[in-house]
């Protein structure tokens, strides 16, 4: 019975982690929407909601530590708890990147500026898709999928390079676009970093199955 109770608590921790993952996914989507629509009010909401993501991380962390202290988990179970603790740190950082994009919306304000390029929107879509699948691969202990997701990080890096050089050309041609162009570069860099954080989550899936840390984010960039 004690083992069954412990397993239920462990499963509940993973469900909490998935809930936090959904919060961060929505934060990414909403932050990019604020940038696309120049919606400062919505941007402030994203910034405010980042506190909820932070609180969720602290809640899960406290529950993990309580489980360790009260249940004395064996090595395999302790590995799962340690992996969850690391994943929620990356999720909290992803939330910070989404918050950063919302803050960029406020920096740009309501002034006339080009909408984020199609490639920036593609970066956001790709990053959120990778995040959702990475968390599912963690729960399913799917190492093959985890490796596949990490390889997709190169596509996000390639889009970032494309956006960077396109914005650079715009700023060279029109110095009045330097400020806005720089802000949009920052936004795209936040998305690139989100994808990097996702690969960290994938590495924790490999750790769970193999029992060792492995650098699976080997980029050609």
Protein backbone atom coordinates (compact mmCIF):
# COMPACT_ATOMS: atom_id res chain seq x y z
CA UNK A 1 0.00 0.00 0.00
CA UNK A 2 2.84 2.39 0.85
CA UNK A 3 4.34 1.82 -2.58
CA UNK A 4 1.00 2.49 -4.29
CA UNK A 5 0.59 5.73 -2.36
CA UNK A 6 4.10 6.83 -3.27
CA UNK A 7 3.51 6.06 -6.96
CA UNK A 8 0.32 8.13 -6.92
CA UNK A 9 2.23 11.06 -5.41
CA UNK A 10 4.95 10.66 -8.04
CA UNK A 11 2.36 10.58 -10.82
CA UNK A 12 0.75 13.69 -9.34
CA UNK A 13 4.10 15.48 -9.49
CA UNK A 14 4.39 14.69 -13.19
CA UNK A 15 0.86 15.98 -13.76
CA UNK A 16 1.78 19.20 -11.99
CA UNK A 17 4.85 19.47 -14.22
CA UNK A 18 2.65 19.05 -17.31
CA UNK A 19 0.30 21.74 -15.99
CA UNK A 20 3.24 24.09 -15.58
CA UNK A 21 4.34 23.20 -19.10
CA UNK A 22 0.92 24.20 -20.43
CA UNK A 23 1.17 27.51 -18.58
CA UNK A 24 4.53 28.24 -20.23
CA UNK A 25 3.27 27.16 -23.66
CA UNK A 26 0.38 29.59 -23.40
CA UNK A 27 2.77 32.32 -22.21
CA UNK A 28 4.86 31.90 -25.36
CA UNK A 29 1.85 32.00 -27.66
CA UNK A 30 0.31 35.00 -25.93
CA UNK A 31 3.56 36.97 -25.78
CA UNK A 32 4.11 36.56 -29.52
CA UNK A 33 0.49 37.58 -30.13
CA UNK A 34 1.08 40.77 -28.14
CA UNK A 35 4.05 41.54 -30.35
CA UNK A 36 2.14 40.76 -33.51
CA UNK A 37 -0.89 42.87 -32.52
CA UNK A 38 1.04 45.62 -30.69
CA UNK A 39 -1.21 44.90 -27.72
CA UNK A 40 0.36 46.49 -24.66
CA UNK A 41 -2.52 45.58 -22.36
CA UNK A 42 -2.21 41.90 -23.24
CA UNK A 43 1.56 42.18 -22.82
CA UNK A 44 1.09 43.42 -19.25
CA UNK A 45 -1.15 40.41 -18.60
CA UNK A 46 1.59 38.06 -19.79
CA UNK A 47 4.09 39.80 -17.52
CA UNK A 48 1.71 39.55 -14.57
CA UNK A 49 0.99 35.87 -15.23
CA UNK A 50 4.70 35.03 -15.13
CA UNK A 51 4.37 35.28 -11.34
CA UNK A 52 1.92 32.36 -11.51
CA UNK A 53 4.47 30.28 -13.41
CA UNK A 54 7.10 31.11 -10.81
CA UNK A 55 4.71 30.16 -8.01
CA UNK A 56 3.94 26.86 -9.74
CA UNK A 57 7.65 26.06 -9.90
CA UNK A 58 8.07 26.75 -6.16
CA UNK A 59 5.00 24.64 -5.34
CA UNK A 60 6.27 21.64 -7.31
CA UNK A 61 9.75 22.04 -5.87
CA UNK A 62 8.37 22.02 -2.34
CA UNK A 63 6.31 18.90 -3.07
CA UNK A 64 9.37 17.15 -4.52
CA UNK A 65 11.45 17.91 -1.45
CA UNK A 66 8.63 16.80 0.86
CA UNK A 67 8.37 13.51 -1.02
CA UNK A 68 12.12 12.94 -0.67
CA UNK A 69 12.05 13.74 3.05
CA UNK A 70 8.99 11.65 3.93
CA UNK A 71 9.14 8.66 1.57
CA UNK A 72 12.88 7.94 1.27
CA UNK A 73 12.68 7.03 -2.44
CA UNK A 74 14.94 4.38 -3.93
CA UNK A 75 17.51 5.30 -6.58
CA UNK A 76 15.18 5.02 -9.59
CA UNK A 77 12.45 7.07 -7.95
CA UNK A 78 14.95 9.64 -6.76
CA UNK A 79 16.15 10.00 -10.35
CA UNK A 80 12.60 10.83 -11.46
CA UNK A 81 12.20 13.45 -8.75
CA UNK A 82 15.60 14.97 -9.57
CA UNK A 83 14.66 15.12 -13.25
CA UNK A 84 11.35 16.84 -12.45
CA UNK A 85 13.20 19.39 -10.32
CA UNK A 86 15.44 20.19 -13.28
CA UNK A 87 12.58 20.31 -15.80
CA UNK A 88 10.59 22.85 -13.76
CA UNK A 89 13.65 25.10 -13.64
CA UNK A 90 13.79 25.07 -17.45
CA UNK A 91 10.03 25.68 -17.63
CA UNK A 92 10.38 28.66 -15.31
CA UNK A 93 13.17 30.04 -17.51
CA UNK A 94 11.01 29.53 -20.61
CA UNK A 95 8.34 31.58 -18.86
CA UNK A 96 10.94 34.29 -18.30
CA UNK A 97 11.72 34.33 -22.03
CA UNK A 98 8.01 34.68 -22.82
CA UNK A 99 7.81 37.52 -20.31
CA UNK A 100 10.80 39.09 -22.07
CA UNK A 101 8.94 39.09 -25.38
CA UNK A 102 5.95 40.79 -23.72
CA UNK A 103 8.28 43.43 -22.29
CA UNK A 104 9.61 44.02 -25.80
CA UNK A 105 6.04 44.73 -26.89
CA UNK A 106 5.92 47.47 -24.24
CA UNK A 107 9.27 48.86 -25.39
CA UNK A 108 8.00 49.14 -28.95
CA UNK A 109 4.67 50.52 -27.74
CA UNK A 110 1.95 51.62 -30.11
CA UNK A 111 4.31 53.24 -32.59
CA UNK A 112 4.21 52.23 -36.20
CA UNK A 113 6.51 49.32 -36.85
CA UNK A 114 6.55 46.26 -39.04
CA UNK A 115 4.81 43.20 -37.64
CA UNK A 116 7.05 40.33 -36.63
CA UNK A 117 8.22 38.52 -39.73
CA UNK A 118 6.67 35.23 -40.75
CA UNK A 119 9.90 33.56 -39.67
CA UNK A 120 9.58 34.88 -36.09
CA UNK A 121 6.06 33.48 -35.96
CA UNK A 122 7.36 30.18 -37.32
CA UNK A 123 10.01 30.15 -34.58
CA UNK A 124 7.30 30.55 -31.94
CA UNK A 125 5.14 27.83 -33.45
CA UNK A 126 8.10 25.46 -33.67
CA UNK A 127 9.26 26.17 -30.13
CA UNK A 128 5.82 25.58 -28.60
CA UNK A 129 5.40 22.35 -30.57
CA UNK A 130 8.82 21.15 -29.38
CA UNK A 131 7.93 22.01 -25.79
CA UNK A 132 4.66 20.07 -25.82
CA UNK A 133 6.27 17.02 -27.37
CA UNK A 134 9.30 17.18 -25.05
CA UNK A 135 7.09 17.01 -21.98
CA UNK A 136 5.11 14.12 -23.43
CA UNK A 137 8.33 12.26 -24.25
CA UNK A 138 9.42 12.80 -20.64
CA UNK A 139 6.23 11.24 -19.28
CA UNK A 140 6.36 8.37 -21.78
CA UNK A 141 10.15 7.91 -21.32
CA UNK A 142 10.46 8.10 -25.12
CA UNK A 143 14.18 8.53 -25.78
CA UNK A 144 13.79 8.24 -29.56
CA UNK A 145 11.38 11.17 -29.61
CA UNK A 146 13.59 13.15 -27.23
CA UNK A 147 16.54 12.81 -29.62
CA UNK A 148 14.35 13.75 -32.60
CA UNK A 149 13.16 16.92 -30.86
CA UNK A 150 16.74 17.94 -30.10
CA UNK A 151 17.65 17.61 -33.77
CA UNK A 152 14.83 20.03 -34.60
CA UNK A 153 16.61 22.74 -32.63
CA UNK A 154 18.78 23.30 -35.71
CA UNK A 155 15.68 24.43 -37.61
CA UNK A 156 14.96 27.06 -34.96
CA UNK A 157 18.60 28.20 -35.03
CA UNK A 158 18.42 28.51 -38.82
CA UNK A 159 15.28 30.65 -38.58
CA UNK A 160 16.97 32.84 -35.98
CA UNK A 161 19.93 33.40 -38.30
CA UNK A 162 17.55 34.25 -41.13
CA UNK A 163 15.61 36.73 -38.98
CA UNK A 164 18.81 38.31 -37.66
CA UNK A 165 20.28 38.98 -41.10
CA UNK A 166 16.95 40.20 -42.51
CA UNK A 167 16.53 42.70 -39.68
CA UNK A 168 20.14 43.79 -40.05
CA UNK A 169 19.55 44.64 -43.71
CA UNK A 170 16.41 46.60 -42.79
CA UNK A 171 18.35 48.64 -40.22
CA UNK A 172 21.17 49.33 -42.66
CA UNK A 173 18.73 50.64 -45.26
CA UNK A 174 16.68 52.66 -42.77
CA UNK A 175 18.46 53.93 -39.62
CA UNK A 176 15.08 54.94 -38.20
CA UNK A 177 14.37 51.22 -37.86
CA UNK A 178 17.38 50.51 -35.64
CA UNK A 179 15.48 50.59 -32.35
CA UNK A 180 12.56 48.48 -33.54
CA UNK A 181 14.85 46.14 -35.44
CA UNK A 182 16.92 45.60 -32.31
CA UNK A 183 13.82 44.87 -30.24
CA UNK A 184 12.64 42.29 -32.78
CA UNK A 185 16.10 40.69 -32.69
CA UNK A 186 15.75 40.39 -28.93
CA UNK A 187 12.35 38.76 -29.36
CA UNK A 188 13.68 36.21 -31.83
CA UNK A 189 16.63 35.50 -29.54
CA UNK A 190 14.21 34.75 -26.71
CA UNK A 191 12.50 32.19 -28.95
CA UNK A 192 15.84 30.65 -29.87
CA UNK A 193 16.67 30.31 -26.17
CA UNK A 194 13.28 28.70 -25.50
CA UNK A 195 14.12 25.96 -28.00
CA UNK A 196 17.46 25.45 -26.25
CA UNK A 197 15.66 25.04 -22.93
CA UNK A 198 13.42 22.43 -24.53
CA UNK A 199 16.47 20.38 -25.46
CA UNK A 200 17.47 20.44 -21.79
CA UNK A 201 14.12 18.81 -20.98
CA UNK A 202 14.83 16.15 -23.59
CA UNK A 203 18.18 15.45 -21.98
CA UNK A 204 16.35 14.73 -18.72
CA UNK A 205 14.27 12.12 -20.53
CA UNK A 206 17.47 10.42 -21.67
CA UNK A 207 18.76 10.66 -18.10
CA UNK A 208 15.64 8.93 -16.77
CA UNK A 209 15.96 5.99 -19.14
CA UNK A 210 19.75 5.63 -19.41
CA UNK A 211 20.65 6.70 -15.88
CA UNK A 212 23.34 9.08 -17.09
CA UNK A 213 23.56 12.62 -18.37
CA UNK A 214 24.13 12.91 -22.11
CA UNK A 215 24.55 16.00 -24.28
CA UNK A 216 21.98 15.38 -26.99
CA UNK A 217 21.82 18.99 -28.23
CA UNK A 218 24.71 18.79 -30.65
CA UNK A 219 24.02 21.60 -33.09
CA UNK A 220 25.73 22.23 -36.38
CA UNK A 221 25.55 25.98 -35.66
